[in-house]
Protein backbone atom coordinates (compact mmCIF):
# COMPACT_ATOMS: atom_id res chain seq x y z
CA MET A 1 20.45 -181.68 46.91
CA GLU A 2 23.85 -180.89 45.44
CA LEU A 3 23.55 -180.95 41.70
CA VAL A 4 26.61 -179.51 40.00
CA PRO A 5 29.63 -181.62 38.94
CA GLU A 6 33.24 -180.49 38.50
CA LEU A 7 33.39 -177.79 35.81
CA SER A 8 37.09 -177.82 34.93
CA CYS A 9 36.21 -179.07 31.43
CA VAL A 10 34.44 -175.78 30.60
CA PRO A 11 37.19 -173.20 29.91
CA GLU A 12 34.87 -170.18 29.80
CA LEU A 13 33.57 -170.96 33.29
CA LEU A 14 36.77 -172.40 34.74
CA GLU A 15 36.37 -170.30 37.90
CA LEU A 16 32.74 -171.35 38.39
CA ASP A 17 32.92 -173.89 41.17
CA ALA A 18 30.15 -176.20 42.36
CA GLU A 19 30.82 -174.63 45.77
CA PHE A 20 29.33 -171.37 44.40
CA VAL A 21 26.39 -172.92 42.58
CA ASN A 22 25.15 -175.50 45.05
CA PRO A 23 24.07 -172.97 47.72
CA PHE A 24 21.62 -171.46 45.23
CA ILE A 25 20.30 -174.85 44.10
CA VAL A 26 19.83 -176.07 47.66
CA ALA A 27 18.20 -172.75 48.65
CA ALA A 28 15.87 -172.84 45.63
CA ASN A 29 14.80 -176.42 46.34
CA GLU A 30 14.19 -175.73 50.05
CA THR A 31 12.19 -172.62 49.16
CA LEU A 32 10.15 -174.44 46.50
CA VAL A 33 9.24 -177.09 49.06
CA ALA A 34 8.47 -174.51 51.79
CA LEU A 35 6.33 -172.24 49.61
CA SER A 36 4.67 -174.63 47.18
CA ASN A 37 5.31 -178.12 48.56
CA LYS A 38 6.81 -178.99 45.14
CA PRO A 39 10.47 -180.06 45.19
CA ALA A 40 12.69 -179.79 42.14
CA THR A 41 14.62 -182.46 40.32
CA LYS A 42 17.72 -181.90 38.24
CA GLY A 43 17.31 -181.66 34.52
CA ARG A 44 19.82 -180.81 31.79
CA LEU A 45 23.04 -178.98 32.56
CA VAL A 46 24.42 -176.99 29.59
CA LEU A 47 26.75 -174.12 28.82
CA THR A 48 25.09 -171.13 27.15
CA ARG A 49 26.00 -167.57 26.19
CA MET A 50 23.43 -164.93 26.99
CA ARG A 51 23.08 -161.21 26.47
CA ALA A 52 19.35 -160.89 27.13
CA PHE A 53 16.80 -162.88 29.10
CA GLU A 54 13.51 -162.73 27.24
CA ASN A 55 11.46 -165.23 29.22
CA ASP A 56 8.01 -164.34 30.49
CA THR A 57 9.34 -164.18 34.06
CA SER A 58 12.93 -163.68 35.23
CA ILE A 59 14.28 -163.39 38.75
CA VAL A 60 17.73 -161.81 38.63
CA MET A 61 20.05 -162.16 41.61
CA LYS A 62 23.13 -159.94 41.50
CA ILE A 63 25.94 -161.14 43.71
CA ASP A 64 28.86 -159.05 44.93
CA GLY A 65 31.43 -159.22 47.68
CA GLY A 66 33.55 -162.38 47.97
CA LEU A 67 31.81 -163.68 44.85
CA GLN A 68 30.68 -161.64 41.88
CA GLY A 69 28.21 -162.31 39.14
CA ALA A 70 24.60 -163.29 38.69
CA VAL A 71 22.12 -166.10 39.09
CA VAL A 72 18.98 -165.83 36.98
CA PHE A 73 15.82 -167.95 37.38
CA CYS A 74 13.64 -167.97 34.24
CA MET A 75 10.24 -169.50 33.62
CA GLU A 76 7.42 -169.32 31.14
CA GLU A 77 4.17 -167.56 32.05
CA ARG A 78 2.28 -170.83 32.56
CA THR A 79 4.93 -172.08 34.99
CA ALA A 80 4.98 -168.76 36.87
CA LYS A 81 1.17 -168.79 37.22
CA GLU A 82 1.17 -172.39 38.44
CA PHE A 83 4.00 -171.65 40.87
CA VAL A 84 2.25 -168.57 42.28
CA SER A 85 -1.01 -170.50 42.54
CA SER A 86 0.71 -173.22 44.57
CA ILE A 87 2.24 -170.58 46.87
CA LEU A 88 -1.27 -169.18 47.37
CA TYR A 89 -2.64 -172.61 48.38
CA GLY A 90 -4.28 -173.30 45.03
CA VAL A 91 -5.92 -169.92 44.39
CA PRO A 92 -6.16 -169.68 40.57
CA VAL A 93 -3.81 -167.12 39.04
CA GLU A 94 -5.09 -165.72 35.76
CA THR A 95 -2.53 -162.93 35.28
CA LEU A 96 0.92 -162.10 36.56
CA ASP A 97 -0.28 -159.04 38.47
CA ASP A 98 1.06 -157.31 41.61
CA MET A 99 -0.02 -160.21 43.82
CA ALA A 100 1.92 -162.63 41.59
CA ARG A 101 4.93 -160.29 41.57
CA ASN A 102 4.87 -160.17 45.38
CA SER A 103 4.85 -163.98 45.56
CA LEU A 104 7.78 -164.21 43.15
CA GLU A 105 9.62 -161.54 45.13
CA GLU A 106 9.05 -163.56 48.30
CA PHE A 107 10.57 -166.59 46.56
CA SER A 108 13.58 -164.52 45.45
CA ILE A 109 14.12 -163.00 48.91
CA ARG A 110 14.06 -166.41 50.58
CA VAL A 111 16.39 -168.00 48.03
CA SER A 112 18.76 -165.01 48.22
CA GLN A 113 18.95 -165.13 52.00
CA LYS A 114 19.40 -168.91 52.21
CA ALA A 115 22.10 -168.90 49.51
CA LYS A 116 23.86 -165.95 51.12
CA ASP A 117 23.88 -167.71 54.51
CA ARG A 118 25.38 -170.84 52.93
CA LEU A 119 28.04 -168.84 51.08
CA ILE A 120 29.01 -167.00 54.26
CA LYS A 121 29.42 -170.35 56.05
CA LEU A 122 31.80 -171.32 53.22
CA GLY A 123 33.82 -168.15 53.86
CA TYR A 124 32.47 -165.92 51.07
CA MET A 125 31.15 -162.62 52.41
CA THR A 126 28.54 -161.77 49.81
CA ASN A 127 25.59 -159.56 49.17
CA VAL A 128 22.71 -160.84 47.06
CA ARG A 129 20.16 -158.42 45.57
CA SER A 130 17.26 -159.61 43.49
CA SER A 131 14.79 -158.16 41.03
CA VAL A 132 11.72 -159.70 39.40
CA PHE A 133 11.00 -159.04 35.72
CA ILE A 134 7.58 -159.96 34.34
CA LYS A 135 7.13 -159.51 30.59
CA ASP A 136 10.25 -157.30 30.61
CA LYS A 137 13.54 -158.20 28.99
CA PHE A 138 16.62 -158.15 31.18
CA ARG A 139 19.68 -157.17 29.13
CA LEU A 140 23.38 -157.45 29.90
CA SER A 141 26.11 -155.16 28.58
CA GLN A 142 27.65 -158.01 26.55
CA ASP A 143 27.40 -161.76 25.97
CA PHE A 144 28.34 -163.76 29.07
CA PRO A 145 28.81 -167.49 29.50
CA PHE A 146 26.37 -169.16 31.88
CA LEU A 147 26.11 -172.63 33.24
CA THR A 148 22.42 -173.38 32.75
CA LEU A 149 20.56 -175.89 34.86
CA HIS A 150 16.99 -176.99 34.13
CA LEU A 151 14.97 -177.66 37.27
CA ASN A 152 11.88 -179.80 36.85
CA THR A 153 9.17 -178.83 39.34
CA GLY A 154 5.55 -179.80 39.86
CA CYS A 155 4.71 -176.38 38.39
CA GLY A 156 6.83 -176.67 35.25
CA ASP A 157 10.44 -176.19 34.24
CA ILE A 158 12.61 -173.41 35.63
CA GLN A 159 15.90 -172.55 33.97
CA VAL A 160 18.65 -171.33 36.29
CA PHE A 161 21.63 -169.46 34.80
CA PHE A 162 24.89 -169.14 36.77
CA ASN A 163 27.84 -166.84 36.16
CA LEU A 164 29.80 -166.53 39.41
CA THR A 165 33.50 -165.99 40.07
CA ARG A 166 35.66 -165.17 43.09
CA ALA A 167 36.19 -161.45 43.56
CA ARG A 168 39.58 -160.17 42.48
CA ASP A 169 41.73 -158.64 45.22
């Protein structure tokens, strides 16, 4: 499931290559299917500028090494609850508590590892670290451009923000 077209028409993200983005999209889709049996379909693809992520739930993946930047998965509370419930084989999730956080962390760990493995196969030695924010704002030091992809899942929409560039020598 490769979803990202050529981005040369977006000057602010000229260095953002589909080669960097697709490993995360493929990893996210494989993980969604494995954990919740709900694959994603591609939605809108837009350029945005962000300084703060104020969604109910954010999974922030910081990438360094051969590539640098961040990938951020954001979803509303209802989507997060539905997603966690599907991971837990339909157990109702009333609140985004520690059990929900653990499920979201499992998702982030799996996506991080799968994306990292794909990037390494492409020749980019990278490290991917992730953090889960529930009801907490994640702020950046300044506005950054992000390529934003909307993933439509059986649990609801997930926005994925990409800002990745090759490391400078």
